[in-house]
PDB file of N, CA and C in Angstrom:
ATOM      1  N   UNK A   1     -41.418  51.331   2.196  1.00  0.00           N
ATOM      2  CA  UNK A   1     -40.959  51.078   3.510  1.00  0.00           C
ATOM      3  C   UNK A   1     -41.327  52.175   4.435  1.00  0.00           C
ATOM      4  N   UNK A   2     -41.841  51.795   5.606  1.00  0.00           N
ATOM      5  CA  UNK A   2     -42.217  52.811   6.592  1.00  0.00           C
ATOM      6  C   UNK A   2     -41.048  53.487   7.247  1.00  0.00           C
ATOM      7  N   UNK A   3     -41.091  54.741   7.517  1.00  0.00           N
ATOM      8  CA  UNK A   3     -39.926  55.448   8.138  1.00  0.00           C
ATOM      9  C   UNK A   3     -39.460  54.832   9.390  1.00  0.00           C
ATOM     10  N   UNK A   4     -40.329  54.275  10.231  1.00  0.00           N
ATOM     11  CA  UNK A   4     -39.907  53.674  11.486  1.00  0.00           C
ATOM     12  C   UNK A   4     -39.012  52.397  11.193  1.00  0.00           C
ATOM     13  N   UNK A   5     -39.428  51.682  10.196  1.00  0.00           N
ATOM     14  CA  UNK A   5     -38.686  50.433   9.887  1.00  0.00           C
ATOM     15  C   UNK A   5     -37.381  50.826   9.233  1.00  0.00           C
ATOM     16  N   UNK A   6     -37.330  51.911   8.418  1.00  0.00           N
ATOM     17  CA  UNK A   6     -36.040  52.370   7.771  1.00  0.00           C
ATOM     18  C   UNK A   6     -35.124  52.774   8.913  1.00  0.00           C
ATOM     19  N   UNK A   7     -35.618  53.495   9.852  1.00  0.00           N
ATOM     20  CA  UNK A   7     -34.832  53.977  10.986  1.00  0.00           C
ATOM     21  C   UNK A   7     -34.367  52.825  11.807  1.00  0.00           C
ATOM     22  N   UNK A   8     -35.108  51.877  11.992  1.00  0.00           N
ATOM     23  CA  UNK A   8     -34.732  50.650  12.715  1.00  0.00           C
ATOM     24  C   UNK A   8     -33.550  49.861  12.001  1.00  0.00           C
ATOM     25  N   UNK A   9     -33.643  49.796  10.681  1.00  0.00           N
ATOM     26  CA  UNK A   9     -32.608  49.138   9.904  1.00  0.00           C
ATOM     27  C   UNK A   9     -31.387  49.937   9.919  1.00  0.00           C
ATOM     28  N   UNK A  10     -31.444  51.257   9.889  1.00  0.00           N
ATOM     29  CA  UNK A  10     -30.280  52.100   9.967  1.00  0.00           C
ATOM     30  C   UNK A  10     -29.583  51.996  11.288  1.00  0.00           C
ATOM     31  N   UNK A  11     -30.393  52.028  12.289  1.00  0.00           N
ATOM     32  CA  UNK A  11     -29.832  51.847  13.742  1.00  0.00           C
ATOM     33  C   UNK A  11     -29.127  50.419  13.812  1.00  0.00           C
ATOM     34  N   UNK A  12     -29.667  49.441  13.285  1.00  0.00           N
ATOM     35  CA  UNK A  12     -29.088  48.104  13.348  1.00  0.00           C
ATOM     36  C   UNK A  12     -27.749  48.140  12.631  1.00  0.00           C
ATOM     37  N   UNK A  13     -27.741  48.772  11.447  1.00  0.00           N
ATOM     38  CA  UNK A  13     -26.522  48.848  10.682  1.00  0.00           C
ATOM     39  C   UNK A  13     -25.328  49.541  11.421  1.00  0.00           C
ATOM     40  N   UNK A  14     -25.738  50.653  12.069  1.00  0.00           N
ATOM     41  CA  UNK A  14     -24.740  51.388  12.854  1.00  0.00           C
ATOM     42  C   UNK A  14     -24.289  50.572  13.993  1.00  0.00           C
ATOM     43  N   UNK A  15     -25.199  49.851  14.631  1.00  0.00           N
ATOM     44  CA  UNK A  15     -24.805  48.983  15.780  1.00  0.00           C
ATOM     45  C   UNK A  15     -23.917  47.916  15.297  1.00  0.00           C
ATOM     46  N   UNK A  16     -24.189  47.352  14.286  1.00  0.00           N
ATOM     47  CA  UNK A  16     -23.278  46.215  13.667  1.00  0.00           C
ATOM     48  C   UNK A  16     -21.906  46.780  13.362  1.00  0.00           C
ATOM     49  N   UNK A  17     -21.802  47.925  12.786  1.00  0.00           N
ATOM     50  CA  UNK A  17     -20.492  48.470  12.323  1.00  0.00           C
ATOM     51  C   UNK A  17     -19.761  48.876  13.593  1.00  0.00           C
ATOM     52  N   UNK A  18     -20.367  49.335  14.649  1.00  0.00           N
ATOM     53  CA  UNK A  18     -19.709  49.786  15.864  1.00  0.00           C
ATOM     54  C   UNK A  18     -19.203  48.581  16.635  1.00  0.00           C
ATOM     55  N   UNK A  19     -19.960  47.457  16.651  1.00  0.00           N
ATOM     56  CA  UNK A  19     -19.372  46.245  17.242  1.00  0.00           C
ATOM     57  C   UNK A  19     -18.279  45.668  16.493  1.00  0.00           C
ATOM     58  N   UNK A  20     -18.245  45.884  15.204  1.00  0.00           N
ATOM     59  CA  UNK A  20     -17.095  45.433  14.478  1.00  0.00           C
ATOM     60  C   UNK A  20     -15.827  46.252  14.725  1.00  0.00           C
ATOM     61  N   UNK A  21     -15.932  47.478  15.172  1.00  0.00           N
ATOM     62  CA  UNK A  21     -14.877  48.274  15.339  1.00  0.00           C
ATOM     63  C   UNK A  21     -14.095  47.979  16.703  1.00  0.00           C
ATOM     64  N   UNK A  22     -14.770  47.182  17.585  1.00  0.00           N
ATOM     65  CA  UNK A  22     -14.202  46.808  18.867  1.00  0.00           C
ATOM     66  C   UNK A  22     -13.053  45.878  18.712  1.00  0.00           C
ATOM     67  N   UNK A  23     -12.823  45.252  17.566  1.00  0.00           N
ATOM     68  CA  UNK A  23     -11.824  44.239  17.381  1.00  0.00           C
ATOM     69  C   UNK A  23     -10.519  45.053  17.206  1.00  0.00           C
ATOM     70  N   UNK A  24      -9.388  44.670  17.905  1.00  0.00           N
ATOM     71  CA  UNK A  24      -8.089  45.440  17.900  1.00  0.00           C
ATOM     72  C   UNK A  24      -6.946  44.593  17.304  1.00  0.00           C
ATOM     73  N   UNK A  25      -7.269  43.653  16.392  1.00  0.00           N
ATOM     74  CA  UNK A  25      -6.237  42.797  15.811  1.00  0.00           C
ATOM     75  C   UNK A  25      -5.761  43.378  14.497  1.00  0.00           C
ATOM     76  N   UNK A  26      -5.176  42.357  13.769  1.00  0.00           N
ATOM     77  CA  UNK A  26      -4.640  42.708  12.407  1.00  0.00           C
ATOM     78  C   UNK A  26      -5.703  43.161  11.429  1.00  0.00           C
ATOM     79  N   UNK A  27      -5.336  43.690  10.348  1.00  0.00           N
ATOM     80  CA  UNK A  27      -6.321  44.217   9.370  1.00  0.00           C
ATOM     81  C   UNK A  27      -7.131  43.069   8.852  1.00  0.00           C
ATOM     82  N   UNK A  28      -6.558  41.893   8.688  1.00  0.00           N
ATOM     83  CA  UNK A  28      -7.345  40.694   8.154  1.00  0.00           C
ATOM     84  C   UNK A  28      -8.428  40.314   9.146  1.00  0.00           C
ATOM     85  N   UNK A  29      -8.043  40.253  10.422  1.00  0.00           N
ATOM     86  CA  UNK A  29      -9.176  39.902  11.370  1.00  0.00           C
ATOM     87  C   UNK A  29     -10.079  41.096  11.586  1.00  0.00           C
ATOM     88  N   UNK A  30      -9.800  42.249  11.512  1.00  0.00           N
ATOM     89  CA  UNK A  30     -10.670  43.379  11.623  1.00  0.00           C
ATOM     90  C   UNK A  30     -11.638  43.331  10.506  1.00  0.00           C
ATOM     91  N   UNK A  31     -11.212  43.141   9.314  1.00  0.00           N
ATOM     92  CA  UNK A  31     -12.113  42.997   8.114  1.00  0.00           C
ATOM     93  C   UNK A  31     -13.047  41.773   8.248  1.00  0.00           C
ATOM     94  N   UNK A  32     -12.563  40.606   8.696  1.00  0.00           N
ATOM     95  CA  UNK A  32     -13.406  39.464   8.922  1.00  0.00           C
ATOM     96  C   UNK A  32     -14.376  39.571   9.988  1.00  0.00           C
ATOM     97  N   UNK A  33     -13.974  40.298  11.072  1.00  0.00           N
ATOM     98  CA  UNK A  33     -14.930  40.538  12.152  1.00  0.00           C
ATOM     99  C   UNK A  33     -15.981  41.551  11.773  1.00  0.00           C
ATOM    100  N   UNK A  34     -15.606  42.636  11.135  1.00  0.00           N
ATOM    101  CA  UNK A  34     -16.578  43.630  10.693  1.00  0.00           C
ATOM    102  C   UNK A  34     -17.631  43.084   9.659  1.00  0.00           C
ATOM    103  N   UNK A  35     -17.094  42.244   8.799  1.00  0.00           N
ATOM    104  CA  UNK A  35     -17.997  41.603   7.763  1.00  0.00           C
ATOM    105  C   UNK A  35     -18.902  40.586   8.421  1.00  0.00           C
ATOM    106  N   UNK A  36     -18.402  39.820   9.411  1.00  0.00           N
ATOM    107  CA  UNK A  36     -19.234  38.861  10.095  1.00  0.00           C
ATOM    108  C   UNK A  36     -20.329  39.615  10.942  1.00  0.00           C
ATOM    109  N   UNK A  37     -19.930  40.678  11.547  1.00  0.00           N
ATOM    110  CA  UNK A  37     -20.920  41.469  12.427  1.00  0.00           C
ATOM    111  C   UNK A  37     -21.983  42.017  11.492  1.00  0.00           C
ATOM    112  N   UNK A  38     -21.632  42.490  10.336  1.00  0.00           N
ATOM    113  CA  UNK A  38     -22.569  43.140   9.487  1.00  0.00           C
ATOM    114  C   UNK A  38     -23.564  42.065   8.867  1.00  0.00           C
ATOM    115  N   UNK A  39     -22.990  40.922   8.457  1.00  0.00           N
ATOM    116  CA  UNK A  39     -23.887  39.856   7.860  1.00  0.00           C
ATOM    117  C   UNK A  39     -24.714  39.310   9.049  1.00  0.00           C
ATOM    118  N   UNK A  40     -24.127  39.012  10.127  1.00  0.00           N
ATOM    119  CA  UNK A  40     -24.871  38.433  11.256  1.00  0.00           C
ATOM    120  C   UNK A  40     -26.028  39.325  11.719  1.00  0.00           C
ATOM    121  N   UNK A  41     -25.667  40.624  11.801  1.00  0.00           N
ATOM    122  CA  UNK A  41     -26.716  41.568  12.242  1.00  0.00           C
ATOM    123  C   UNK A  41     -27.889  41.744  11.258  1.00  0.00           C
ATOM    124  N   UNK A  42     -27.570  41.644  10.004  1.00  0.00           N
ATOM    125  CA  UNK A  42     -28.666  41.703   8.918  1.00  0.00           C
ATOM    126  C   UNK A  42     -29.465  40.373   9.034  1.00  0.00           C
ATOM    127  N   UNK A  43     -28.844  39.240   9.089  1.00  0.00           N
ATOM    128  CA  UNK A  43     -29.573  38.024   9.167  1.00  0.00           C
ATOM    129  C   UNK A  43     -30.426  37.966  10.410  1.00  0.00           C
ATOM    130  N   UNK A  44     -29.715  38.362  11.641  1.00  0.00           N
ATOM    131  CA  UNK A  44     -30.452  38.366  12.898  1.00  0.00           C
ATOM    132  C   UNK A  44     -31.728  39.212  12.793  1.00  0.00           C
ATOM    133  N   UNK A  45     -31.490  40.423  12.269  1.00  0.00           N
ATOM    134  CA  UNK A  45     -32.666  41.326  12.079  1.00  0.00           C
ATOM    135  C   UNK A  45     -33.823  40.771  11.186  1.00  0.00           C
ATOM    136  N   UNK A  46     -33.395  40.192  10.097  1.00  0.00           N
ATOM    137  CA  UNK A  46     -34.318  39.543   9.180  1.00  0.00           C
ATOM    138  C   UNK A  46     -35.070  38.352   9.799  1.00  0.00           C
ATOM    139  N   UNK A  47     -34.375  37.550  10.564  1.00  0.00           N
ATOM    140  CA  UNK A  47     -35.004  36.427  11.155  1.00  0.00           C
ATOM    141  C   UNK A  47     -35.928  36.615  12.320  1.00  0.00           C
ATOM    142  N   UNK A  48     -35.715  37.822  12.980  1.00  0.00           N
ATOM    143  CA  UNK A  48     -36.539  38.199  14.135  1.00  0.00           C
ATOM    144  C   UNK A  48     -37.413  39.381  13.800  1.00  0.00           C
ATOM    145  N   UNK A  49     -37.644  39.660  12.641  1.00  0.00           N
ATOM    146  CA  UNK A  49     -38.559  40.763  12.182  1.00  0.00           C
ATOM    147  C   UNK A  49     -38.090  42.171  12.738  1.00  0.00           C
ATOM    148  N   UNK A  50     -36.769  42.379  12.780  1.00  0.00           N
ATOM    149  CA  UNK A  50     -36.147  43.714  13.130  1.00  0.00           C
ATOM    150  C   UNK A  50     -36.072  43.985  14.649  1.00  0.00           C
ATOM    151  N   UNK A  51     -36.120  42.913  15.483  1.00  0.00           N
ATOM    152  CA  UNK A  51     -36.012  43.110  16.886  1.00  0.00           C
ATOM    153  C   UNK A  51     -34.554  43.432  17.209  1.00  0.00           C
ATOM    154  N   UNK A  52     -34.393  44.401  18.228  1.00  0.00           N
ATOM    155  CA  UNK A  52     -32.971  44.693  18.614  1.00  0.00           C
ATOM    156  C   UNK A  52     -32.198  43.595  19.151  1.00  0.00           C
ATOM    157  N   UNK A  53     -32.862  42.702  19.970  1.00  0.00           N
ATOM    158  CA  UNK A  53     -32.185  41.572  20.530  1.00  0.00           C
ATOM    159  C   UNK A  53     -31.729  40.568  19.476  1.00  0.00           C
ATOM    160  N   UNK A  54     -32.556  40.339  18.435  1.00  0.00           N
ATOM    161  CA  UNK A  54     -32.179  39.420  17.421  1.00  0.00           C
ATOM    162  C   UNK A  54     -31.044  40.042  16.595  1.00  0.00           C
ATOM    163  N   UNK A  55     -31.089  41.394  16.337  1.00  0.00           N
ATOM    164  CA  UNK A  55     -30.033  41.987  15.594  1.00  0.00           C
ATOM    165  C   UNK A  55     -28.632  41.925  16.433  1.00  0.00           C
ATOM    166  N   UNK A  56     -28.777  42.175  17.662  1.00  0.00           N
ATOM    167  CA  UNK A  56     -27.596  42.148  18.555  1.00  0.00           C
ATOM    168  C   UNK A  56     -26.997  40.781  18.604  1.00  0.00           C
ATOM    169  N   UNK A  57     -27.840  39.825  18.780  1.00  0.00           N
ATOM    170  CA  UNK A  57     -27.336  38.379  18.926  1.00  0.00           C
ATOM    171  C   UNK A  57     -26.769  37.958  17.610  1.00  0.00           C
ATOM    172  N   UNK A  58     -27.401  38.316  16.497  1.00  0.00           N
ATOM    173  CA  UNK A  58     -26.863  37.938  15.115  1.00  0.00           C
ATOM    174  C   UNK A  58     -25.518  38.630  14.896  1.00  0.00           C
ATOM    175  N   UNK A  59     -25.450  39.832  15.297  1.00  0.00           N
ATOM    176  CA  UNK A  59     -24.146  40.527  15.104  1.00  0.00           C
ATOM    177  C   UNK A  59     -23.040  39.931  16.010  1.00  0.00           C
ATOM    178  N   UNK A  60     -23.334  39.554  17.215  1.00  0.00           N
ATOM    179  CA  UNK A  60     -22.329  38.985  18.110  1.00  0.00           C
ATOM    180  C   UNK A  60     -21.882  37.621  17.550  1.00  0.00           C
ATOM    181  N   UNK A  61     -22.836  36.774  17.119  1.00  0.00           N
ATOM    182  CA  UNK A  61     -22.410  35.490  16.562  1.00  0.00           C
ATOM    183  C   UNK A  61     -21.705  35.653  15.246  1.00  0.00           C
ATOM    184  N   UNK A  62     -22.174  36.514  14.417  1.00  0.00           N
ATOM    185  CA  UNK A  62     -21.486  36.731  13.197  1.00  0.00           C
ATOM    186  C   UNK A  62     -20.080  37.331  13.339  1.00  0.00           C
ATOM    187  N   UNK A  63     -19.869  38.229  14.268  1.00  0.00           N
ATOM    188  CA  UNK A  63     -18.524  38.746  14.624  1.00  0.00           C
ATOM    189  C   UNK A  63     -17.659  37.593  15.059  1.00  0.00           C
ATOM    190  N   UNK A  64     -18.173  36.731  16.006  1.00  0.00           N
ATOM    191  CA  UNK A  64     -17.318  35.650  16.482  1.00  0.00           C
ATOM    192  C   UNK A  64     -16.962  34.671  15.417  1.00  0.00           C
ATOM    193  N   UNK A  65     -17.856  34.332  14.492  1.00  0.00           N
ATOM    194  CA  UNK A  65     -17.543  33.525  13.426  1.00  0.00           C
ATOM    195  C   UNK A  65     -16.596  34.152  12.415  1.00  0.00           C
ATOM    196  N   UNK A  66     -16.835  35.421  12.117  1.00  0.00           N
ATOM    197  CA  UNK A  66     -15.988  36.148  11.133  1.00  0.00           C
ATOM    198  C   UNK A  66     -14.541  36.261  11.667  1.00  0.00           C
ATOM    199  N   UNK A  67     -14.443  36.542  12.848  1.00  0.00           N
ATOM    200  CA  UNK A  67     -13.073  36.665  13.580  1.00  0.00           C
ATOM    201  C   UNK A  67     -12.307  35.313  13.439  1.00  0.00           C
ATOM    202  N   UNK A  68     -13.002  34.216  13.842  1.00  0.00           N
ATOM    203  CA  UNK A  68     -12.367  32.932  13.839  1.00  0.00           C
ATOM    204  C   UNK A  68     -12.010  32.416  12.438  1.00  0.00           C
ATOM    205  N   UNK A  69     -12.899  32.744  11.480  1.00  0.00           N
ATOM    206  CA  UNK A  69     -12.531  32.378  10.065  1.00  0.00           C
ATOM    207  C   UNK A  69     -11.375  33.119   9.555  1.00  0.00           C
ATOM    208  N   UNK A  70     -11.458  34.418   9.863  1.00  0.00           N
ATOM    209  CA  UNK A  70     -10.317  35.312   9.281  1.00  0.00           C
ATOM    210  C   UNK A  70      -8.941  35.018   9.910  1.00  0.00           C
ATOM    211  N   UNK A  71      -8.865  34.485  11.193  1.00  0.00           N
ATOM    212  CA  UNK A  71      -7.660  34.099  11.745  1.00  0.00           C
ATOM    213  C   UNK A  71      -7.013  32.939  11.046  1.00  0.00           C
ATOM    214  N   UNK A  72      -7.872  32.087  10.458  1.00  0.00           N
ATOM    215  CA  UNK A  72      -7.349  30.812   9.762  1.00  0.00           C
ATOM    216  C   UNK A  72      -6.937  31.159   8.432  1.00  0.00           C
ATOM    217  N   UNK A  73      -7.336  32.291   7.847  1.00  0.00           N
ATOM    218  CA  UNK A  73      -6.960  32.506   6.435  1.00  0.00           C
ATOM    219  C   UNK A  73      -5.603  33.187   6.283  1.00  0.00           C
TER     220      UNK A  73
END
């Protein structure tokens, strides 16, 4: 793996985790949101060949889905 790509993935991971920290709810919803943001960010990054916009959009959608799913559990 090229160093630039590894740095890009590391930055995407940090972005995903920081977006997940923005949730101020209960522990269950925080965990669901963080997990959704992480999975969404990884999927968005993979589907768009590592673009920042794809990673951000995937993280946002994943966080939204993770938050709503965890509220119902």
